[in-house]
Amino acid sequence: MIGDLKAALESIKIVSDLLKTNKSITNHKAIDDAIGEVTDKLISARGIISSCQEKQEILTKRIVDLEKDLVLGDN
């Protein structure tokens, strides 16, 4: 999960760098290409973040279930 988050952050950094690099582009084809690349990176980062959120929800539910088992086991 930490590796996924690092990958998402790296994708966001790449997007930021692309935006900084491409803000002076005047060629429409180059602008379209840059927008496409930024969009791809954002979609990738969003997917990674979504996957991490799902994993966190599963782990949180597992912790709650284990805590319930501990409480029930003490009675």
PDB file of N, CA and C in Angstrom:
ATOM      1  N   MET A   1       0.829  -1.186   0.000  1.00  0.00           N
ATOM      2  CA  MET A   1       0.000   0.000   0.000  1.00  0.00           C
ATOM      3  C   MET A   1       0.877   1.255   0.000  1.00  0.00           C
ATOM      4  N   ILE A   2       1.963   1.242   0.752  1.00  0.00           N
ATOM      5  CA  ILE A   2       2.850   2.400   0.772  1.00  0.00           C
ATOM      6  C   ILE A   2       3.479   2.599  -0.599  1.00  0.00           C
ATOM      7  N   GLY A   3       3.831   1.501  -1.247  1.00  0.00           N
ATOM      8  CA  GLY A   3       4.380   1.600  -2.595  1.00  0.00           C
ATOM      9  C   GLY A   3       3.389   2.210  -3.568  1.00  0.00           C
ATOM     10  N   ASP A   4       2.110   1.856  -3.416  1.00  0.00           N
ATOM     11  CA  ASP A   4       1.063   2.428  -4.269  1.00  0.00           C
ATOM     12  C   ASP A   4       0.938   3.924  -4.045  1.00  0.00           C
ATOM     13  N   LEU A   5       0.995   4.325  -2.777  1.00  0.00           N
ATOM     14  CA  LEU A   5       0.899   5.753  -2.466  1.00  0.00           C
ATOM     15  C   LEU A   5       2.098   6.516  -3.025  1.00  0.00           C
ATOM     16  N   LYS A   6       3.282   5.916  -2.922  1.00  0.00           N
ATOM     17  CA  LYS A   6       4.477   6.556  -3.485  1.00  0.00           C
ATOM     18  C   LYS A   6       4.322   6.717  -4.996  1.00  0.00           C
ATOM     19  N   ALA A   7       3.782   5.698  -5.653  1.00  0.00           N
ATOM     20  CA  ALA A   7       3.569   5.771  -7.107  1.00  0.00           C
ATOM     21  C   ALA A   7       2.572   6.865  -7.453  1.00  0.00           C
ATOM     22  N   ALA A   8       1.519   6.996  -6.652  1.00  0.00           N
ATOM     23  CA  ALA A   8       0.526   8.044  -6.900  1.00  0.00           C
ATOM     24  C   ALA A   8       1.149   9.424  -6.717  1.00  0.00           C
ATOM     25  N   LEU A   9       1.926   9.575  -5.662  1.00  0.00           N
ATOM     26  CA  LEU A   9       2.589  10.862  -5.426  1.00  0.00           C
ATOM     27  C   LEU A   9       3.584  11.175  -6.537  1.00  0.00           C
ATOM     28  N   GLU A  10       4.288  10.167  -7.015  1.00  0.00           N
ATOM     29  CA  GLU A  10       5.217  10.368  -8.116  1.00  0.00           C
ATOM     30  C   GLU A  10       4.462  10.804  -9.377  1.00  0.00           C
ATOM     31  N   SER A  11       3.304  10.196  -9.627  1.00  0.00           N
ATOM     32  CA  SER A  11       2.494  10.589 -10.781  1.00  0.00           C
ATOM     33  C   SER A  11       2.061  12.045 -10.662  1.00  0.00           C
ATOM     34  N   ILE A  12       1.674  12.442  -9.465  1.00  0.00           N
ATOM     35  CA  ILE A  12       1.244  13.830  -9.246  1.00  0.00           C
ATOM     36  C   ILE A  12       2.416  14.785  -9.437  1.00  0.00           C
ATOM     37  N   LYS A  13       3.608  14.389  -8.988  1.00  0.00           N
ATOM     38  CA  LYS A  13       4.795  15.219  -9.179  1.00  0.00           C
ATOM     39  C   LYS A  13       5.092  15.361 -10.670  1.00  0.00           C
ATOM     40  N   ILE A  14       4.969  14.270 -11.413  1.00  0.00           N
ATOM     41  CA  ILE A  14       5.204  14.316 -12.856  1.00  0.00           C
ATOM     42  C   ILE A  14       4.217  15.268 -13.516  1.00  0.00           C
ATOM     43  N   VAL A  15       2.956  15.211 -13.093  1.00  0.00           N
ATOM     44  CA  VAL A  15       1.939  16.113 -13.632  1.00  0.00           C
ATOM     45  C   VAL A  15       2.337  17.558 -13.362  1.00  0.00           C
ATOM     46  N   SER A  16       2.744  17.828 -12.145  1.00  0.00           N
ATOM     47  CA  SER A  16       3.161  19.183 -11.777  1.00  0.00           C
ATOM     48  C   SER A  16       4.331  19.644 -12.640  1.00  0.00           C
ATOM     49  N   ASP A  17       5.319  18.774 -12.811  1.00  0.00           N
ATOM     50  CA  ASP A  17       6.476  19.111 -13.646  1.00  0.00           C
ATOM     51  C   ASP A  17       6.063  19.366 -15.092  1.00  0.00           C
ATOM     52  N   LEU A  18       5.150  18.520 -15.605  1.00  0.00           N
ATOM     53  CA  LEU A  18       4.681  18.713 -16.982  1.00  0.00           C
ATOM     54  C   LEU A  18       3.983  20.061 -17.148  1.00  0.00           C
ATOM     55  N   LEU A  19       3.165  20.410 -16.170  1.00  0.00           N
ATOM     56  CA  LEU A  19       2.460  21.690 -16.247  1.00  0.00           C
ATOM     57  C   LEU A  19       3.442  22.862 -16.220  1.00  0.00           C
ATOM     58  N   LYS A  20       4.448  22.783 -15.370  1.00  0.00           N
ATOM     59  CA  LYS A  20       5.451  23.847 -15.289  1.00  0.00           C
ATOM     60  C   LYS A  20       6.235  23.952 -16.592  1.00  0.00           C
ATOM     61  N   THR A  21       6.613  22.814 -17.151  1.00  0.00           N
ATOM     62  CA  THR A  21       7.412  22.776 -18.371  1.00  0.00           C
ATOM     63  C   THR A  21       6.619  23.265 -19.580  1.00  0.00           C
ATOM     64  N   ASN A  22       5.342  22.920 -19.624  1.00  0.00           N
ATOM     65  CA  ASN A  22       4.543  23.166 -20.823  1.00  0.00           C
ATOM     66  C   ASN A  22       3.713  24.444 -20.793  1.00  0.00           C
ATOM     67  N   LYS A  23       3.871  25.267 -19.766  1.00  0.00           N
ATOM     68  CA  LYS A  23       3.017  26.448 -19.705  1.00  0.00           C
ATOM     69  C   LYS A  23       3.357  27.495 -20.767  1.00  0.00           C
ATOM     70  N   SER A  24       4.536  27.391 -21.394  1.00  0.00           N
ATOM     71  CA  SER A  24       4.899  28.357 -22.428  1.00  0.00           C
ATOM     72  C   SER A  24       4.695  27.826 -23.850  1.00  0.00           C
ATOM     73  N   ILE A  25       4.079  26.675 -24.005  1.00  0.00           N
ATOM     74  CA  ILE A  25       3.865  26.079 -25.331  1.00  0.00           C
ATOM     75  C   ILE A  25       2.805  26.879 -26.094  1.00  0.00           C
ATOM     76  N   THR A  26       3.110  27.170 -27.348  1.00  0.00           N
ATOM     77  CA  THR A  26       2.152  27.892 -28.180  1.00  0.00           C
ATOM     78  C   THR A  26       1.614  27.035 -29.332  1.00  0.00           C
ATOM     79  N   ASN A  27       2.229  25.912 -29.592  1.00  0.00           N
ATOM     80  CA  ASN A  27       1.813  25.002 -30.649  1.00  0.00           C
ATOM     81  C   ASN A  27       0.632  24.177 -30.145  1.00  0.00           C
ATOM     82  N   HIS A  28      -0.493  24.219 -30.852  1.00  0.00           N
ATOM     83  CA  HIS A  28      -1.708  23.520 -30.408  1.00  0.00           C
ATOM     84  C   HIS A  28      -1.521  22.006 -30.321  1.00  0.00           C
ATOM     85  N   LYS A  29      -0.783  21.414 -31.228  1.00  0.00           N
ATOM     86  CA  LYS A  29      -0.522  19.969 -31.192  1.00  0.00           C
ATOM     87  C   LYS A  29       0.261  19.623 -29.919  1.00  0.00           C
ATOM     88  N   ALA A  30       1.243  20.437 -29.606  1.00  0.00           N
ATOM     89  CA  ALA A  30       2.049  20.191 -28.410  1.00  0.00           C
ATOM     90  C   ALA A  30       1.196  20.353 -27.156  1.00  0.00           C
ATOM     91  N   ILE A  31       0.299  21.324 -27.182  1.00  0.00           N
ATOM     92  CA  ILE A  31      -0.606  21.530 -26.039  1.00  0.00           C
ATOM     93  C   ILE A  31      -1.512  20.313 -25.867  1.00  0.00           C
ATOM     94  N   ASP A  32      -2.097  19.835 -26.978  1.00  0.00           N
ATOM     95  CA  ASP A  32      -2.953  18.645 -26.914  1.00  0.00           C
ATOM     96  C   ASP A  32      -2.197  17.432 -26.385  1.00  0.00           C
ATOM     97  N   ASP A  33      -0.962  17.261 -26.847  1.00  0.00           N
ATOM     98  CA  ASP A  33      -0.142  16.144 -26.373  1.00  0.00           C
ATOM     99  C   ASP A  33       0.146  16.263 -24.880  1.00  0.00           C
ATOM    100  N   ALA A  34       0.479  17.475 -24.442  1.00  0.00           N
ATOM    101  CA  ALA A  34       0.779  17.696 -23.027  1.00  0.00           C
ATOM    102  C   ALA A  34      -0.455  17.443 -22.165  1.00  0.00           C
ATOM    103  N   ILE A  35      -1.610  17.906 -22.632  1.00  0.00           N
ATOM    104  CA  ILE A  35      -2.861  17.682 -21.896  1.00  0.00           C
ATOM    105  C   ILE A  35      -3.162  16.188 -21.816  1.00  0.00           C
ATOM    106  N   GLY A  36      -2.951  15.476 -22.897  1.00  0.00           N
ATOM    107  CA  GLY A  36      -3.169  14.031 -22.907  1.00  0.00           C
ATOM    108  C   GLY A  36      -2.258  13.319 -21.921  1.00  0.00           C
ATOM    109  N   GLU A  37      -1.005  13.727 -21.875  1.00  0.00           N
ATOM    110  CA  GLU A  37      -0.051  13.111 -20.956  1.00  0.00           C
ATOM    111  C   GLU A  37      -0.423  13.411 -19.502  1.00  0.00           C
ATOM    112  N   VAL A  38      -0.796  14.660 -19.233  1.00  0.00           N
ATOM    113  CA  VAL A  38      -1.215  15.034 -17.881  1.00  0.00           C
ATOM    114  C   VAL A  38      -2.467  14.247 -17.481  1.00  0.00           C
ATOM    115  N   THR A  39      -3.410  14.145 -18.385  1.00  0.00           N
ATOM    116  CA  THR A  39      -4.644  13.410 -18.108  1.00  0.00           C
ATOM    117  C   THR A  39      -4.354  11.944 -17.791  1.00  0.00           C
ATOM    118  N   ASP A  40      -3.475  11.329 -18.581  1.00  0.00           N
ATOM    119  CA  ASP A  40      -3.106   9.931 -18.331  1.00  0.00           C
ATOM    120  C   ASP A  40      -2.493   9.763 -16.947  1.00  0.00           C
ATOM    121  N   LYS A  41      -1.611  10.677 -16.573  1.00  0.00           N
ATOM    122  CA  LYS A  41      -0.962  10.587 -15.259  1.00  0.00           C
ATOM    123  C   LYS A  41      -1.979  10.782 -14.135  1.00  0.00           C
ATOM    124  N   LEU A  42      -2.912  11.716 -14.308  1.00  0.00           N
ATOM    125  CA  LEU A  42      -3.937  11.942 -13.282  1.00  0.00           C
ATOM    126  C   LEU A  42      -4.858  10.726 -13.137  1.00  0.00           C
ATOM    127  N   ILE A  43      -5.219  10.132 -14.244  1.00  0.00           N
ATOM    128  CA  ILE A  43      -6.064   8.934 -14.203  1.00  0.00           C
ATOM    129  C   ILE A  43      -5.333   7.802 -13.487  1.00  0.00           C
ATOM    130  N   SER A  44      -4.053   7.653 -13.786  1.00  0.00           N
ATOM    131  CA  SER A  44      -3.256   6.627 -13.128  1.00  0.00           C
ATOM    132  C   SER A  44      -3.180   6.878 -11.626  1.00  0.00           C
ATOM    133  N   ALA A  45      -2.908   8.117 -11.241  1.00  0.00           N
ATOM    134  CA  ALA A  45      -2.816   8.458  -9.816  1.00  0.00           C
ATOM    135  C   ALA A  45      -4.156   8.231  -9.125  1.00  0.00           C
ATOM    136  N   ARG A  46      -5.230   8.599  -9.790  1.00  0.00           N
ATOM    137  CA  ARG A  46      -6.561   8.410  -9.203  1.00  0.00           C
ATOM    138  C   ARG A  46      -6.861   6.924  -8.973  1.00  0.00           C
ATOM    139  N   GLY A  47      -6.481   6.095  -9.925  1.00  0.00           N
ATOM    140  CA  GLY A  47      -6.683   4.657  -9.773  1.00  0.00           C
ATOM    141  C   GLY A  47      -5.884   4.089  -8.612  1.00  0.00           C
ATOM    142  N   ILE A  48      -4.646   4.535  -8.472  1.00  0.00           N
ATOM    143  CA  ILE A  48      -3.799   4.060  -7.377  1.00  0.00           C
ATOM    144  C   ILE A  48      -4.376   4.491  -6.041  1.00  0.00           C
ATOM    145  N   ILE A  49      -4.806   5.741  -5.954  1.00  0.00           N
ATOM    146  CA  ILE A  49      -5.383   6.250  -4.709  1.00  0.00           C
ATOM    147  C   ILE A  49      -6.664   5.502  -4.366  1.00  0.00           C
ATOM    148  N   SER A  50      -7.487   5.244  -5.361  1.00  0.00           N
ATOM    149  CA  SER A  50      -8.727   4.493  -5.144  1.00  0.00           C
ATOM    150  C   SER A  50      -8.423   3.091  -4.621  1.00  0.00           C
ATOM    151  N   SER A  51      -7.440   2.454  -5.211  1.00  0.00           N
ATOM    152  CA  SER A  51      -7.041   1.115  -4.768  1.00  0.00           C
ATOM    153  C   SER A  51      -6.556   1.146  -3.318  1.00  0.00           C
ATOM    154  N   CYS A  52      -5.788   2.157  -2.967  1.00  0.00           N
ATOM    155  CA  CYS A  52      -5.297   2.289  -1.592  1.00  0.00           C
ATOM    156  C   CYS A  52      -6.448   2.513  -0.614  1.00  0.00           C
ATOM    157  N   GLN A  53      -7.423   3.298  -1.030  1.00  0.00           N
ATOM    158  CA  GLN A  53      -8.584   3.530  -0.164  1.00  0.00           C
ATOM    159  C   GLN A  53      -9.360   2.242   0.065  1.00  0.00           C
ATOM    160  N   GLU A  54      -9.520   1.452  -0.976  1.00  0.00           N
ATOM    161  CA  GLU A  54     -10.223   0.170  -0.841  1.00  0.00           C
ATOM    162  C   GLU A  54      -9.471  -0.760   0.114  1.00  0.00           C
ATOM    163  N   LYS A  55      -8.152  -0.820  -0.031  1.00  0.00           N
ATOM    164  CA  LYS A  55      -7.339  -1.661   0.848  1.00  0.00           C
ATOM    165  C   LYS A  55      -7.454  -1.183   2.301  1.00  0.00           C
ATOM    166  N   GLN A  56      -7.458   0.132   2.491  1.00  0.00           N
ATOM    167  CA  GLN A  56      -7.575   0.679   3.838  1.00  0.00           C
ATOM    168  C   GLN A  56      -8.922   0.309   4.451  1.00  0.00           C
ATOM    169  N   GLU A  57      -9.993   0.389   3.671  1.00  0.00           N
ATOM    170  CA  GLU A  57     -11.317   0.015   4.170  1.00  0.00           C
ATOM    171  C   GLU A  57     -11.355  -1.456   4.573  1.00  0.00           C
ATOM    172  N   ILE A  58     -10.751  -2.313   3.770  1.00  0.00           N
ATOM    173  CA  ILE A  58     -10.712  -3.746   4.083  1.00  0.00           C
ATOM    174  C   ILE A  58      -9.940  -3.975   5.384  1.00  0.00           C
ATOM    175  N   LEU A  59      -8.794  -3.318   5.511  1.00  0.00           N
ATOM    176  CA  LEU A  59      -7.981  -3.485   6.717  1.00  0.00           C
ATOM    177  C   LEU A  59      -8.689  -2.924   7.953  1.00  0.00           C
ATOM    178  N   THR A  60      -9.358  -1.796   7.790  1.00  0.00           N
ATOM    179  CA  THR A  60     -10.098  -1.211   8.913  1.00  0.00           C
ATOM    180  C   THR A  60     -11.204  -2.152   9.367  1.00  0.00           C
ATOM    181  N   LYS A  61     -11.933  -2.735   8.414  1.00  0.00           N
ATOM    182  CA  LYS A  61     -12.992  -3.688   8.764  1.00  0.00           C
ATOM    183  C   LYS A  61     -12.396  -4.901   9.467  1.00  0.00           C
ATOM    184  N   ARG A  62     -11.273  -5.354   8.996  1.00  0.00           N
ATOM    185  CA  ARG A  62     -10.610  -6.513   9.616  1.00  0.00           C
ATOM    186  C   ARG A  62     -10.215  -6.196  11.063  1.00  0.00           C
ATOM    187  N   ILE A  63      -9.705  -5.001  11.295  1.00  0.00           N
ATOM    188  CA  ILE A  63      -9.336  -4.595  12.657  1.00  0.00           C
ATOM    189  C   ILE A  63     -10.561  -4.573  13.559  1.00  0.00           C
ATOM    190  N   VAL A  64     -11.659  -4.000  13.061  1.00  0.00           N
ATOM    191  CA  VAL A  64     -12.898  -3.946  13.843  1.00  0.00           C
ATOM    192  C   VAL A  64     -13.367  -5.367  14.171  1.00  0.00           C
ATOM    193  N   ASP A  65     -13.331  -6.252  13.188  1.00  0.00           N
ATOM    194  CA  ASP A  65     -13.747  -7.642  13.412  1.00  0.00           C
ATOM    195  C   ASP A  65     -12.862  -8.324  14.455  1.00  0.00           C
ATOM    196  N   LEU A  66     -11.551  -8.104  14.376  1.00  0.00           N
ATOM    197  CA  LEU A  66     -10.633  -8.709  15.346  1.00  0.00           C
ATOM    198  C   LEU A  66     -10.853  -8.150  16.756  1.00  0.00           C
ATOM    199  N   GLU A  67     -11.131  -6.844  16.836  1.00  0.00           N
ATOM    200  CA  GLU A  67     -11.411  -6.239  18.139  1.00  0.00           C
ATOM    201  C   GLU A  67     -12.685  -6.823  18.740  1.00  0.00           C
ATOM    202  N   LYS A  68     -13.702  -7.047  17.901  1.00  0.00           N
ATOM    203  CA  LYS A  68     -14.937  -7.678  18.383  1.00  0.00           C
ATOM    204  C   LYS A  68     -14.660  -9.082  18.894  1.00  0.00           C
ATOM    205  N   ASP A  69     -13.834  -9.827  18.150  1.00  0.00           N
ATOM    206  CA  ASP A  69     -13.479 -11.174  18.576  1.00  0.00           C
ATOM    207  C   ASP A  69     -12.772 -11.157  19.929  1.00  0.00           C
ATOM    208  N   LEU A  70     -11.903 -10.193  20.135  1.00  0.00           N
ATOM    209  CA  LEU A  70     -11.193 -10.078  21.406  1.00  0.00           C
ATOM    210  C   LEU A  70     -12.165  -9.791  22.565  1.00  0.00           C
ATOM    211  N   VAL A  71     -13.089  -8.883  22.324  1.00  0.00           N
ATOM    212  CA  VAL A  71     -14.059  -8.527  23.351  1.00  0.00           C
ATOM    213  C   VAL A  71     -14.937  -9.726  23.674  1.00  0.00           C
ATOM    214  N   LEU A  72     -15.422 -10.410  22.657  1.00  0.00           N
ATOM    215  CA  LEU A  72     -16.286 -11.578  22.862  1.00  0.00           C
ATOM    216  C   LEU A  72     -15.515 -12.713  23.517  1.00  0.00           C
ATOM    217  N   GLY A  73     -14.231 -12.810  23.233  1.00  0.00           N
ATOM    218  CA  GLY A  73     -13.418 -13.865  23.814  1.00  0.00           C
ATOM    219  C   GLY A  73     -13.153 -13.644  25.290  1.00  0.00           C
ATOM    220  N   ASP A  74     -13.235 -12.381  25.758  1.00  0.00           N
ATOM    221  CA  ASP A  74     -12.985 -12.050  27.152  1.00  0.00           C
ATOM    222  C   ASP A  74     -14.173 -12.378  28.042  1.00  0.00           C
ATOM    223  N   ASN A  75     -15.366 -12.554  27.477  1.00  0.00           N
ATOM    224  CA  ASN A  75     -16.569 -12.792  28.291  1.00  0.00           C
ATOM    225  C   ASN A  75     -16.665 -14.199  28.752  1.00  0.00           C
TER     226      ASN A  75
END
